[in-house]
Every structure is written in C-alpha cells, then in structure tokens.
C-alpha cells in the first residue's frame, strides 16, 4: 500500500510539472520584420514593415510550437517616401493586389533547449512556398513590467523573390535573393 501511494504521489508530481503548450501574442513593439537587398554592389537597401500581428503556441518541454504571423505589406517603411511608393507599386510588392504576407508554421527544430529553426509556409504575392527561419538567438524570460513570460529571438531567411513573381530590377543586376531579418517577442497569454 505504501509503495502504491508513493508511486501515485510521484506520478501526480510528474504530471503537475509537465509543461503544456501555452499561447503567446506577438508584441508589436518588440517585433520587427525587415528586408535587405544589395543595391548595385555598393550598399544595401533596407526596409521594414510597420504593421504585423500574430500568435505563437509554444511547449518548451515537448519541443513543439506553432506560429501564425501576418504582415501588412503596405506598411513598408524605408524612411524615404518616394522609395516606399515605388516599393508598393505593381513593379515590386504590388500591395494593391497583395496587401498581406503570412508565415505559418507547426515545426520547430531545437538544439538542446533552444529553438534553432522554424519551418513553415510563407504566402507572399499570392504564392505559398516553404520557408525556414534560422534562429540566431532564442530565449524566454519573465518580463518584470508585464509580469508574464515573454519568448522570442532573432530569425533570418533568404528568399528568392522571383519565385513569388517579383522580377523587377533583375535585368539591371539587382539580385533575386532578399534577406529577411525578423526580431520577434511574444507575450504569454
């Protein structure tokens, strides 16, 4: 009887300590989606998308997660109004036809306890293709101001823009590869 009670107590403690998937909301004040593309081999054009939203489901113990992030492509901001206008035009992002981009994933790859990659599907300009985000750092912490757990990191990927139909500038020598740099933090709900 004593052994049965001990086993029951141990099983209860183990199940109470087992983590379950938690829901997180993207913190737009600590989340930035930017792009970089070389400009005639002399400098790098950069821009960011000011409006984004999404959710993350994360289970550290099970090493699983889900991500669903939507980017308002028309919110592009390079700091130069004329450049932003051209980027929004049919030559490039064609935001009149394709105002949103979306990344959806249900596969997190871990290296020990840290997220190393997030593999998913990226929908951009009406095309959906596989995309893997590489994590350069990932961490969870208790936010002292919010009094809640926050998880996030820096992620990068290289995208062949021509695979999505964005061919402008190829004849001029602009590269087809665009580097995405994503800084994300999400607050546990």
Protein backbone atom coordinates (compact mmCIF):
# COMPACT_ATOMS: atom_id res chain seq x y z
CA UNK A 1 0.00 0.00 0.00
CA UNK A 2 2.81 2.41 0.95
CA UNK A 3 4.58 1.66 -2.35
CA UNK A 4 1.34 2.29 -4.29
CA UNK A 5 0.85 5.64 -2.56
CA UNK A 6 4.46 6.60 -3.30
CA UNK A 7 4.05 5.74 -6.97
CA UNK A 8 0.76 7.66 -7.12
CA UNK A 9 2.35 10.71 -5.48
CA UNK A 10 5.33 10.57 -7.86
CA UNK A 11 3.03 10.30 -10.89
CA UNK A 12 0.97 13.25 -9.65
CA UNK A 13 4.08 15.39 -9.18
CA UNK A 14 5.41 14.45 -12.61
CA UNK A 15 2.15 15.25 -14.36
CA UNK A 16 1.80 18.55 -12.48
CA UNK A 17 5.31 19.54 -13.51
CA UNK A 18 4.84 18.62 -17.15
CA UNK A 19 4.61 21.70 -19.33
CA UNK A 20 1.79 22.18 -21.75
CA UNK A 21 1.58 24.31 -24.82
CA UNK A 22 0.96 27.95 -23.95
CA UNK A 23 -0.45 30.66 -26.17
CA UNK A 24 1.55 33.82 -26.85
CA UNK A 25 0.59 37.02 -28.66
CA UNK A 26 3.12 38.85 -30.82
CA UNK A 27 4.27 42.07 -29.14
CA UNK A 28 4.28 44.60 -31.99
CA UNK A 29 6.53 46.98 -30.02
CA UNK A 30 9.27 44.33 -29.86
CA UNK A 31 8.65 42.63 -33.21
CA UNK A 32 10.14 43.92 -36.46
CA UNK A 33 10.15 42.37 -39.92
CA UNK A 34 12.82 43.88 -42.15
CA UNK A 35 14.37 43.09 -45.52
CA UNK A 36 17.78 43.71 -47.06
CA UNK A 37 18.80 43.62 -50.72
CA UNK A 38 22.12 44.75 -52.21
CA UNK A 39 21.99 47.88 -54.37
CA UNK A 40 24.36 47.65 -57.36
CA UNK A 41 27.01 46.03 -55.18
CA UNK A 42 27.73 49.29 -53.33
CA UNK A 43 25.28 49.44 -50.45
CA UNK A 44 22.26 47.64 -49.05
CA UNK A 45 18.67 48.80 -49.37
CA UNK A 46 16.72 48.14 -46.19
CA UNK A 47 13.10 48.48 -45.22
CA UNK A 48 10.69 47.30 -42.58
CA UNK A 49 7.01 46.54 -42.30
CA UNK A 50 5.48 48.61 -39.52
CA UNK A 51 2.26 46.62 -39.07
CA UNK A 52 2.27 42.97 -38.09
CA UNK A 53 0.27 40.68 -35.83
CA UNK A 54 0.21 37.07 -34.89
CA UNK A 55 0.19 34.28 -32.39
CA UNK A 56 2.60 31.63 -31.20
CA UNK A 57 1.87 28.39 -29.40
CA UNK A 58 4.92 27.02 -27.64
CA UNK A 59 5.67 23.97 -25.50
CA UNK A 60 9.28 24.02 -24.32
CA UNK A 61 9.11 20.59 -22.65
CA UNK A 62 7.62 18.83 -25.69
CA UNK A 63 9.81 20.92 -28.04
CA UNK A 64 6.88 21.86 -30.23
CA UNK A 65 5.33 25.06 -31.44
CA UNK A 66 3.10 26.82 -33.91
CA UNK A 67 3.38 30.28 -35.44
CA UNK A 68 0.92 32.36 -37.43
CA UNK A 69 2.15 35.86 -38.33
CA UNK A 70 0.52 38.28 -40.77
CA UNK A 71 2.42 41.24 -42.20
CA UNK A 72 0.73 44.32 -43.63
CA UNK A 73 2.97 44.70 -46.69
CA UNK A 74 1.53 48.14 -47.48
CA UNK A 75 3.03 49.38 -44.18
CA UNK A 76 6.50 49.25 -45.73
CA UNK A 77 8.82 51.94 -44.40
CA UNK A 78 12.29 52.71 -45.76
CA UNK A 79 12.44 56.25 -44.43
CA UNK A 80 12.08 57.62 -47.96
CA UNK A 81 8.52 58.31 -49.13
CA UNK A 82 9.31 58.08 -52.86
CA UNK A 83 11.04 54.72 -52.41
CA UNK A 84 8.12 53.44 -50.31
CA UNK A 85 5.71 54.48 -53.08
CA UNK A 86 7.75 52.57 -55.69
CA UNK A 87 8.02 49.50 -53.45
CA UNK A 88 4.22 49.49 -53.04
CA UNK A 89 3.69 49.76 -56.82
CA UNK A 90 2.95 46.95 -59.27
CA UNK A 91 6.70 46.91 -60.15
CA UNK A 92 7.57 45.39 -56.79
CA UNK A 93 5.28 44.43 -53.86
CA UNK A 94 2.05 45.26 -55.73
CA UNK A 95 0.25 45.96 -52.45
CA UNK A 96 -2.98 46.93 -54.23
CA UNK A 97 -3.36 43.25 -55.22
CA UNK A 98 -1.36 41.63 -52.39
CA UNK A 99 -1.62 43.76 -49.22
CA UNK A 100 -0.70 40.96 -46.80
CA UNK A 101 2.00 38.34 -46.35
CA UNK A 102 1.71 35.43 -43.93
CA UNK A 103 4.05 32.91 -42.32
CA UNK A 104 2.51 29.78 -40.80
CA UNK A 105 4.49 27.02 -39.11
CA UNK A 106 3.92 23.99 -36.94
CA UNK A 107 7.51 22.70 -36.93
CA UNK A 108 10.12 23.99 -34.51
CA UNK A 109 13.59 22.46 -34.63
CA UNK A 110 15.53 22.55 -31.36
CA UNK A 111 19.20 22.49 -30.49
CA UNK A 112 19.08 21.41 -26.85
CA UNK A 113 16.54 23.67 -25.15
CA UNK A 114 16.79 26.46 -27.73
CA UNK A 115 14.79 26.92 -30.91
CA UNK A 116 17.22 26.64 -33.85
CA UNK A 117 14.80 26.76 -36.80
CA UNK A 118 11.16 27.36 -37.54
CA UNK A 119 9.97 25.63 -40.71
CA UNK A 120 6.75 26.68 -42.38
CA UNK A 121 4.91 28.14 -45.34
CA UNK A 122 5.29 31.74 -46.49
CA UNK A 123 2.49 33.30 -48.53
CA UNK A 124 3.59 36.38 -50.43
CA UNK A 125 2.21 38.00 -53.59
CA UNK A 126 -0.37 35.23 -53.98
CA UNK A 127 2.21 32.42 -53.86
CA UNK A 128 2.81 29.98 -50.99
CA UNK A 129 6.22 28.36 -50.65
CA UNK A 130 8.25 26.62 -47.92
CA UNK A 131 10.41 28.90 -45.77
CA UNK A 132 12.78 28.08 -42.95
CA UNK A 133 13.72 30.76 -40.43
CA UNK A 134 17.11 30.30 -38.77
CA UNK A 135 17.28 31.38 -35.13
CA UNK A 136 20.42 33.26 -34.15
CA UNK A 137 19.21 33.53 -30.57
CA UNK A 138 16.15 32.45 -28.67
CA UNK A 139 15.15 32.93 -25.07
CA UNK A 140 12.21 33.10 -22.68
CA UNK A 141 12.17 35.39 -19.66
CA UNK A 142 9.81 36.75 -17.02
CA UNK A 143 9.08 40.31 -18.06
CA UNK A 144 9.27 42.49 -14.92
CA UNK A 145 6.85 45.10 -16.28
CA UNK A 146 4.24 42.78 -17.79
CA UNK A 147 4.56 40.18 -15.01
CA UNK A 148 4.32 37.48 -17.67
CA UNK A 149 6.64 35.22 -19.61
CA UNK A 150 7.94 36.55 -22.91
CA UNK A 151 9.67 34.36 -25.51
CA UNK A 152 11.43 35.48 -28.65
CA UNK A 153 14.54 35.78 -30.70
CA UNK A 154 16.17 36.92 -33.90
CA UNK A 155 15.47 34.94 -37.06
CA UNK A 156 16.75 35.17 -40.64
CA UNK A 157 15.95 33.65 -44.01
CA UNK A 158 16.92 34.24 -47.62
CA UNK A 159 14.05 34.41 -50.09
CA UNK A 160 14.22 34.13 -53.87
CA UNK A 161 11.83 36.96 -54.76
CA UNK A 162 11.47 35.74 -58.34
CA UNK A 163 9.79 32.56 -57.04
CA UNK A 164 6.95 34.84 -55.93
CA UNK A 165 6.83 36.75 -59.24
CA UNK A 166 8.84 39.82 -58.16
CA UNK A 167 11.19 40.21 -61.12
CA UNK A 168 11.72 43.98 -61.19
CA UNK A 169 15.37 45.02 -61.47
CA UNK A 170 16.76 41.60 -62.43
CA UNK A 171 17.73 43.00 -65.87
CA UNK A 172 19.55 45.86 -64.09
CA UNK A 173 21.57 43.46 -62.00
CA UNK A 174 19.58 43.54 -58.76
CA UNK A 175 19.88 40.16 -57.05
CA UNK A 176 16.91 37.87 -56.77
CA UNK A 177 17.82 36.92 -53.19
CA UNK A 178 16.37 39.07 -50.40
CA UNK A 179 17.42 38.63 -46.79
CA UNK A 180 14.64 38.70 -44.21
CA UNK A 181 15.56 39.68 -40.66
CA UNK A 182 12.88 39.12 -38.06
CA UNK A 183 13.08 40.19 -34.44
CA UNK A 184 10.12 38.77 -32.53
CA UNK A 185 8.90 38.73 -28.95
CA UNK A 186 5.61 37.17 -27.89
CA UNK A 187 3.81 37.56 -24.56
CA UNK A 188 2.27 34.57 -22.80
CA UNK A 189 -1.50 34.92 -22.59
